[in-house]
Amino acid sequence: QVQLVESGGGLVQAGGSLRLSCAASVSIFTINPMAWYRQAPGKQRELVADITSGGSTNYADSVKGRFTISREKGKNTVYLQMNSLKPEDTAVYYCNVQDRRTSRYYWGQGTQVTVSS
């Protein structure tokens, strides 16, 4: 079992910034990749960004140039730095990881991000 604890969501005005954190209960060497998804009301959950153990990153077109995913070397935490936030970024953001040992995916509980215009 892998447990994920997310933090950092909140309410921010358009143009502002937030940083989300996701801490895993297992070694960072056990989980790969690590990713952030989001789900807005009435919409499907979508991939925002992911990062591999080697540091390769991938972003949704809608967040490229504004969001940065990173993982602290040697630690079991992944971050999502969100800049120049827009009202359309409003959603519940979820951390997602894959356990290398079982190939099973795990989700965090979600953290609400609300961007006001």
N, C-alpha and C. Protein backbone atom coordinates (compact mmCIF):
# COMPACT_ATOMS: atom_id res chain seq x y z
N GLN A 1 0.83 -1.19 0.00
CA GLN A 1 0.00 0.00 0.00
C GLN A 1 0.87 1.25 0.00
N VAL A 2 0.47 2.22 -0.78
CA VAL A 2 1.15 3.51 -0.83
C VAL A 2 0.14 4.57 -0.42
N GLN A 3 0.52 5.38 0.54
CA GLN A 3 -0.35 6.49 0.95
C GLN A 3 0.26 7.79 0.49
N LEU A 4 -0.60 8.67 0.02
CA LEU A 4 -0.18 9.97 -0.49
C LEU A 4 -0.89 11.07 0.29
N VAL A 5 -0.14 12.06 0.72
CA VAL A 5 -0.71 13.19 1.44
C VAL A 5 -0.41 14.46 0.68
N GLU A 6 -1.46 15.13 0.26
CA GLU A 6 -1.32 16.35 -0.54
C GLU A 6 -1.56 17.58 0.33
N SER A 7 -0.94 18.67 -0.07
CA SER A 7 -1.17 19.94 0.61
C SER A 7 -0.88 21.08 -0.35
N GLY A 8 -1.33 22.27 0.02
CA GLY A 8 -0.97 23.46 -0.74
C GLY A 8 -2.08 24.08 -1.56
N GLY A 9 -3.24 23.48 -1.62
CA GLY A 9 -4.32 24.08 -2.37
C GLY A 9 -4.88 25.31 -1.67
N GLY A 10 -5.79 25.99 -2.34
CA GLY A 10 -6.41 27.17 -1.73
C GLY A 10 -7.07 28.06 -2.76
N LEU A 11 -7.37 29.26 -2.30
CA LEU A 11 -8.02 30.26 -3.14
C LEU A 11 -7.01 31.33 -3.50
N VAL A 12 -6.93 31.65 -4.78
CA VAL A 12 -5.97 32.66 -5.23
C VAL A 12 -6.60 33.46 -6.37
N GLN A 13 -6.17 34.69 -6.51
CA GLN A 13 -6.67 35.51 -7.62
C GLN A 13 -5.96 35.14 -8.92
N ALA A 14 -6.61 35.41 -10.01
CA ALA A 14 -5.99 35.17 -11.32
C ALA A 14 -4.66 35.90 -11.40
N GLY A 15 -3.67 35.19 -11.95
CA GLY A 15 -2.33 35.74 -12.03
C GLY A 15 -1.44 35.36 -10.85
N GLY A 16 -2.04 34.79 -9.84
CA GLY A 16 -1.30 34.40 -8.65
C GLY A 16 -0.63 33.05 -8.78
N SER A 17 -0.03 32.61 -7.68
CA SER A 17 0.73 31.36 -7.66
C SER A 17 0.35 30.50 -6.46
N LEU A 18 0.50 29.21 -6.64
CA LEU A 18 0.35 28.24 -5.56
C LEU A 18 1.35 27.12 -5.78
N ARG A 19 1.75 26.47 -4.71
CA ARG A 19 2.60 25.28 -4.83
C ARG A 19 1.94 24.13 -4.11
N LEU A 20 1.73 23.06 -4.83
CA LEU A 20 1.16 21.84 -4.27
C LEU A 20 2.29 20.87 -3.91
N SER A 21 2.08 20.14 -2.84
CA SER A 21 3.04 19.12 -2.42
C SER A 21 2.32 17.79 -2.26
N CYS A 22 3.04 16.72 -2.53
CA CYS A 22 2.50 15.37 -2.35
C CYS A 22 3.60 14.51 -1.76
N ALA A 23 3.37 14.03 -0.55
CA ALA A 23 4.35 13.19 0.13
C ALA A 23 3.86 11.75 0.12
N ALA A 24 4.74 10.84 -0.30
CA ALA A 24 4.40 9.42 -0.36
C ALA A 24 4.92 8.70 0.88
N SER A 25 4.26 7.60 1.21
CA SER A 25 4.61 6.84 2.42
C SER A 25 5.72 5.83 2.18
N VAL A 26 6.21 5.74 0.94
CA VAL A 26 7.27 4.78 0.62
C VAL A 26 8.43 5.51 0.00
N SER A 27 9.53 4.80 -0.14
CA SER A 27 10.72 5.38 -0.74
C SER A 27 10.43 5.86 -2.16
N ILE A 28 11.08 6.95 -2.48
CA ILE A 28 10.88 7.51 -3.81
C ILE A 28 11.38 6.56 -4.90
N PHE A 29 12.23 5.63 -4.53
CA PHE A 29 12.76 4.68 -5.50
C PHE A 29 11.74 3.58 -5.82
N THR A 30 10.69 3.53 -5.02
CA THR A 30 9.66 2.52 -5.21
C THR A 30 8.57 3.00 -6.16
N ILE A 31 8.44 4.30 -6.31
CA ILE A 31 7.33 4.86 -7.07
C ILE A 31 7.83 5.64 -8.27
N ASN A 32 7.28 5.32 -9.41
CA ASN A 32 7.66 5.99 -10.65
C ASN A 32 6.65 5.66 -11.72
N PRO A 33 6.12 6.62 -12.49
CA PRO A 33 6.36 8.04 -12.30
C PRO A 33 5.49 8.63 -11.19
N MET A 34 5.66 9.92 -10.96
CA MET A 34 4.79 10.68 -10.08
C MET A 34 4.11 11.74 -10.93
N ALA A 35 2.84 11.96 -10.66
CA ALA A 35 2.07 12.84 -11.54
C ALA A 35 1.04 13.64 -10.77
N TRP A 36 0.59 14.71 -11.39
CA TRP A 36 -0.54 15.50 -10.91
C TRP A 36 -1.64 15.46 -11.97
N TYR A 37 -2.84 15.19 -11.50
CA TYR A 37 -4.04 15.25 -12.33
C TYR A 37 -4.96 16.31 -11.74
N ARG A 38 -5.96 16.71 -12.50
CA ARG A 38 -6.97 17.62 -11.96
C ARG A 38 -8.34 17.26 -12.55
N GLN A 39 -9.35 17.62 -11.78
CA GLN A 39 -10.71 17.38 -12.23
C GLN A 39 -11.57 18.58 -11.86
N ALA A 40 -12.08 19.24 -12.89
CA ALA A 40 -12.98 20.37 -12.69
C ALA A 40 -14.41 19.85 -12.66
N PRO A 41 -15.33 20.61 -12.05
CA PRO A 41 -16.73 20.18 -11.98
C PRO A 41 -17.29 19.88 -13.37
N GLY A 42 -17.90 18.70 -13.51
CA GLY A 42 -18.52 18.33 -14.76
C GLY A 42 -17.57 17.89 -15.84
N LYS A 43 -16.28 17.79 -15.51
CA LYS A 43 -15.29 17.40 -16.51
C LYS A 43 -14.56 16.14 -16.08
N GLN A 44 -13.91 15.51 -17.05
CA GLN A 44 -13.12 14.31 -16.75
C GLN A 44 -11.80 14.69 -16.10
N ARG A 45 -11.27 13.77 -15.34
CA ARG A 45 -9.97 13.99 -14.74
C ARG A 45 -8.92 14.00 -15.86
N GLU A 46 -7.99 14.93 -15.78
CA GLU A 46 -6.98 15.06 -16.83
C GLU A 46 -5.58 15.16 -16.24
N LEU A 47 -4.62 14.68 -17.00
CA LEU A 47 -3.22 14.77 -16.59
C LEU A 47 -2.76 16.22 -16.70
N VAL A 48 -2.12 16.70 -15.65
CA VAL A 48 -1.54 18.04 -15.66
C VAL A 48 -0.05 17.95 -15.98
N ALA A 49 0.65 17.08 -15.25
CA ALA A 49 2.09 16.94 -15.45
C ALA A 49 2.56 15.65 -14.79
N ASP A 50 3.65 15.09 -15.30
CA ASP A 50 4.26 13.95 -14.63
C ASP A 50 5.78 14.04 -14.72
N ILE A 51 6.43 13.28 -13.85
CA ILE A 51 7.89 13.29 -13.79
C ILE A 51 8.38 11.90 -13.46
N THR A 52 9.42 11.47 -14.16
CA THR A 52 9.99 10.15 -13.92
C THR A 52 11.12 10.23 -12.91
N SER A 53 11.59 9.07 -12.51
CA SER A 53 12.70 9.03 -11.55
C SER A 53 13.95 9.64 -12.15
N GLY A 54 14.04 9.63 -13.49
CA GLY A 54 15.19 10.23 -14.14
C GLY A 54 15.06 11.72 -14.34
N GLY A 55 13.92 12.26 -13.98
CA GLY A 55 13.72 13.70 -14.08
C GLY A 55 13.03 14.17 -15.34
N SER A 56 12.64 13.23 -16.21
CA SER A 56 11.93 13.63 -17.43
C SER A 56 10.53 14.10 -17.06
N THR A 57 10.10 15.18 -17.68
CA THR A 57 8.80 15.76 -17.36
C THR A 57 7.91 15.83 -18.59
N ASN A 58 6.63 15.90 -18.32
CA ASN A 58 5.62 15.99 -19.38
C ASN A 58 4.50 16.87 -18.85
N TYR A 59 4.00 17.78 -19.72
CA TYR A 59 2.97 18.72 -19.30
C TYR A 59 1.81 18.74 -20.27
N ALA A 60 0.64 19.00 -19.73
CA ALA A 60 -0.51 19.28 -20.59
C ALA A 60 -0.26 20.61 -21.30
N ASP A 61 -0.74 20.70 -22.53
CA ASP A 61 -0.51 21.93 -23.30
C ASP A 61 -1.05 23.16 -22.57
N SER A 62 -2.15 22.98 -21.84
CA SER A 62 -2.81 24.11 -21.19
C SER A 62 -1.99 24.71 -20.05
N VAL A 63 -0.99 23.99 -19.56
CA VAL A 63 -0.21 24.49 -18.42
C VAL A 63 1.26 24.72 -18.76
N LYS A 64 1.67 24.37 -19.95
CA LYS A 64 3.08 24.54 -20.33
C LYS A 64 3.50 25.99 -20.19
N GLY A 65 4.66 26.19 -19.58
CA GLY A 65 5.18 27.53 -19.39
C GLY A 65 4.67 28.21 -18.13
N ARG A 66 3.67 27.62 -17.48
CA ARG A 66 3.11 28.21 -16.26
C ARG A 66 3.32 27.31 -15.05
N PHE A 67 3.25 26.01 -15.26
CA PHE A 67 3.39 25.05 -14.16
C PHE A 67 4.72 24.32 -14.26
N THR A 68 5.27 23.96 -13.11
CA THR A 68 6.51 23.18 -13.07
C THR A 68 6.36 22.05 -12.06
N ILE A 69 6.61 20.83 -12.53
CA ILE A 69 6.60 19.68 -11.64
C ILE A 69 8.03 19.35 -11.26
N SER A 70 8.24 18.97 -10.02
CA SER A 70 9.59 18.63 -9.57
C SER A 70 9.49 17.61 -8.45
N ARG A 71 10.59 16.92 -8.21
CA ARG A 71 10.64 16.00 -7.09
C ARG A 71 11.96 16.22 -6.39
N GLU A 72 11.92 16.28 -5.08
CA GLU A 72 13.11 16.57 -4.31
C GLU A 72 13.98 15.32 -4.29
N LYS A 73 15.23 15.47 -4.71
CA LYS A 73 16.14 14.34 -4.84
C LYS A 73 16.28 13.61 -3.52
N GLY A 74 16.08 12.31 -3.58
CA GLY A 74 16.25 11.50 -2.38
C GLY A 74 15.09 11.55 -1.42
N LYS A 75 14.08 12.36 -1.72
CA LYS A 75 12.92 12.44 -0.84
C LYS A 75 11.68 11.96 -1.58
N ASN A 76 10.68 11.62 -0.82
CA ASN A 76 9.49 11.01 -1.39
C ASN A 76 8.39 12.02 -1.64
N THR A 77 8.77 13.19 -2.14
CA THR A 77 7.82 14.27 -2.32
C THR A 77 7.89 14.83 -3.73
N VAL A 78 6.71 15.09 -4.30
CA VAL A 78 6.63 15.73 -5.60
C VAL A 78 5.88 17.05 -5.43
N TYR A 79 6.29 18.05 -6.19
CA TYR A 79 5.71 19.38 -6.10
C TYR A 79 5.12 19.79 -7.44
N LEU A 80 4.16 20.69 -7.37
CA LEU A 80 3.63 21.33 -8.57
C LEU A 80 3.58 22.83 -8.30
N GLN A 81 4.50 23.55 -8.91
CA GLN A 81 4.52 25.00 -8.80
C GLN A 81 3.62 25.55 -9.90
N MET A 82 2.62 26.30 -9.49
CA MET A 82 1.64 26.84 -10.44
C MET A 82 1.71 28.36 -10.43
N ASN A 83 2.12 28.91 -11.55
CA ASN A 83 2.21 30.37 -11.70
C ASN A 83 1.22 30.86 -12.74
N SER A 84 0.98 32.15 -12.72
CA SER A 84 0.06 32.77 -13.70
C SER A 84 -1.26 32.01 -13.77
N LEU A 85 -1.81 31.74 -12.62
CA LEU A 85 -3.03 30.93 -12.56
C LEU A 85 -4.20 31.64 -13.21
N LYS A 86 -5.05 30.82 -13.83
CA LYS A 86 -6.23 31.32 -14.54
C LYS A 86 -7.48 30.70 -13.91
N PRO A 87 -8.62 31.35 -14.06
CA PRO A 87 -9.86 30.76 -13.51
C PRO A 87 -10.11 29.34 -14.04
N GLU A 88 -9.69 29.06 -15.25
CA GLU A 88 -9.89 27.72 -15.81
C GLU A 88 -8.99 26.66 -15.18
N ASP A 89 -8.07 27.08 -14.34
CA ASP A 89 -7.25 26.12 -13.59
C ASP A 89 -7.98 25.62 -12.34
N THR A 90 -9.11 26.21 -12.05
CA THR A 90 -9.89 25.79 -10.89
C THR A 90 -10.30 24.32 -11.01
N ALA A 91 -9.94 23.53 -10.00
CA ALA A 91 -10.20 22.10 -10.03
C ALA A 91 -9.73 21.48 -8.72
N VAL A 92 -10.07 20.22 -8.54
CA VAL A 92 -9.44 19.43 -7.49
C VAL A 92 -8.21 18.77 -8.11
N TYR A 93 -7.08 18.95 -7.47
CA TYR A 93 -5.83 18.41 -7.98
C TYR A 93 -5.46 17.16 -7.19
N TYR A 94 -5.09 16.11 -7.93
CA TYR A 94 -4.78 14.83 -7.33
C TYR A 94 -3.35 14.40 -7.67
N CYS A 95 -2.68 13.89 -6.67
CA CYS A 95 -1.38 13.28 -6.87
C CYS A 95 -1.59 11.82 -7.26
N ASN A 96 -0.75 11.32 -8.14
CA ASN A 96 -0.87 9.94 -8.62
C ASN A 96 0.52 9.36 -8.78
N VAL A 97 0.71 8.13 -8.27
CA VAL A 97 2.00 7.47 -8.43
C VAL A 97 1.78 6.01 -8.81
N GLN A 98 2.80 5.42 -9.41
CA GLN A 98 2.77 4.00 -9.71
C GLN A 98 3.82 3.29 -8.86
N ASP A 99 3.38 2.23 -8.22
CA ASP A 99 4.28 1.41 -7.42
C ASP A 99 5.04 0.47 -8.37
N ARG A 100 6.34 0.61 -8.41
CA ARG A 100 7.14 -0.22 -9.32
C ARG A 100 7.03 -1.70 -8.99
N ARG A 101 6.80 -2.01 -7.74
CA ARG A 101 6.81 -3.41 -7.32
C ARG A 101 5.57 -4.14 -7.84
N THR A 102 4.44 -3.43 -7.90
CA THR A 102 3.18 -4.08 -8.25
C THR A 102 2.54 -3.54 -9.52
N SER A 103 3.08 -2.43 -10.02
CA SER A 103 2.51 -1.69 -11.17
C SER A 103 1.16 -1.06 -10.84
N ARG A 104 0.78 -1.08 -9.58
CA ARG A 104 -0.51 -0.51 -9.19
C ARG A 104 -0.38 1.00 -9.05
N TYR A 105 -1.45 1.70 -9.40
CA TYR A 105 -1.49 3.15 -9.27
C TYR A 105 -2.22 3.54 -7.99
N TYR A 106 -1.78 4.63 -7.39
CA TYR A 106 -2.40 5.15 -6.17
C TYR A 106 -2.72 6.62 -6.36
N TRP A 107 -3.82 7.05 -5.70
CA TRP A 107 -4.26 8.44 -5.76
C TRP A 107 -4.24 9.07 -4.38
N GLY A 108 -3.93 10.37 -4.37
CA GLY A 108 -4.08 11.13 -3.14
C GLY A 108 -5.55 11.50 -2.95
N GLN A 109 -5.83 12.19 -1.84
CA GLN A 109 -7.22 12.52 -1.50
C GLN A 109 -7.72 13.73 -2.29
N GLY A 110 -6.81 14.47 -2.90
CA GLY A 110 -7.19 15.64 -3.67
C GLY A 110 -7.10 16.92 -2.85
N THR A 111 -6.74 17.99 -3.52
CA THR A 111 -6.69 19.30 -2.87
C THR A 111 -7.33 20.31 -3.82
N GLN A 112 -8.19 21.15 -3.26
CA GLN A 112 -8.95 22.10 -4.06
C GLN A 112 -8.10 23.32 -4.39
N VAL A 113 -8.11 23.69 -5.67
CA VAL A 113 -7.49 24.93 -6.13
C VAL A 113 -8.59 25.76 -6.78
N THR A 114 -8.79 26.95 -6.27
CA THR A 114 -9.80 27.85 -6.81
C THR A 114 -9.15 29.16 -7.21
N VAL A 115 -9.33 29.54 -8.47
CA VAL A 115 -8.74 30.77 -8.99
C VAL A 115 -9.88 31.73 -9.34
N SER A 116 -9.89 32.87 -8.65
CA SER A 116 -10.95 33.84 -8.89
C SER A 116 -10.51 34.87 -9.94
N SER A 117 -11.50 35.35 -10.67
CA SER A 117 -11.19 36.31 -11.75
C SER A 117 -11.22 37.75 -11.24
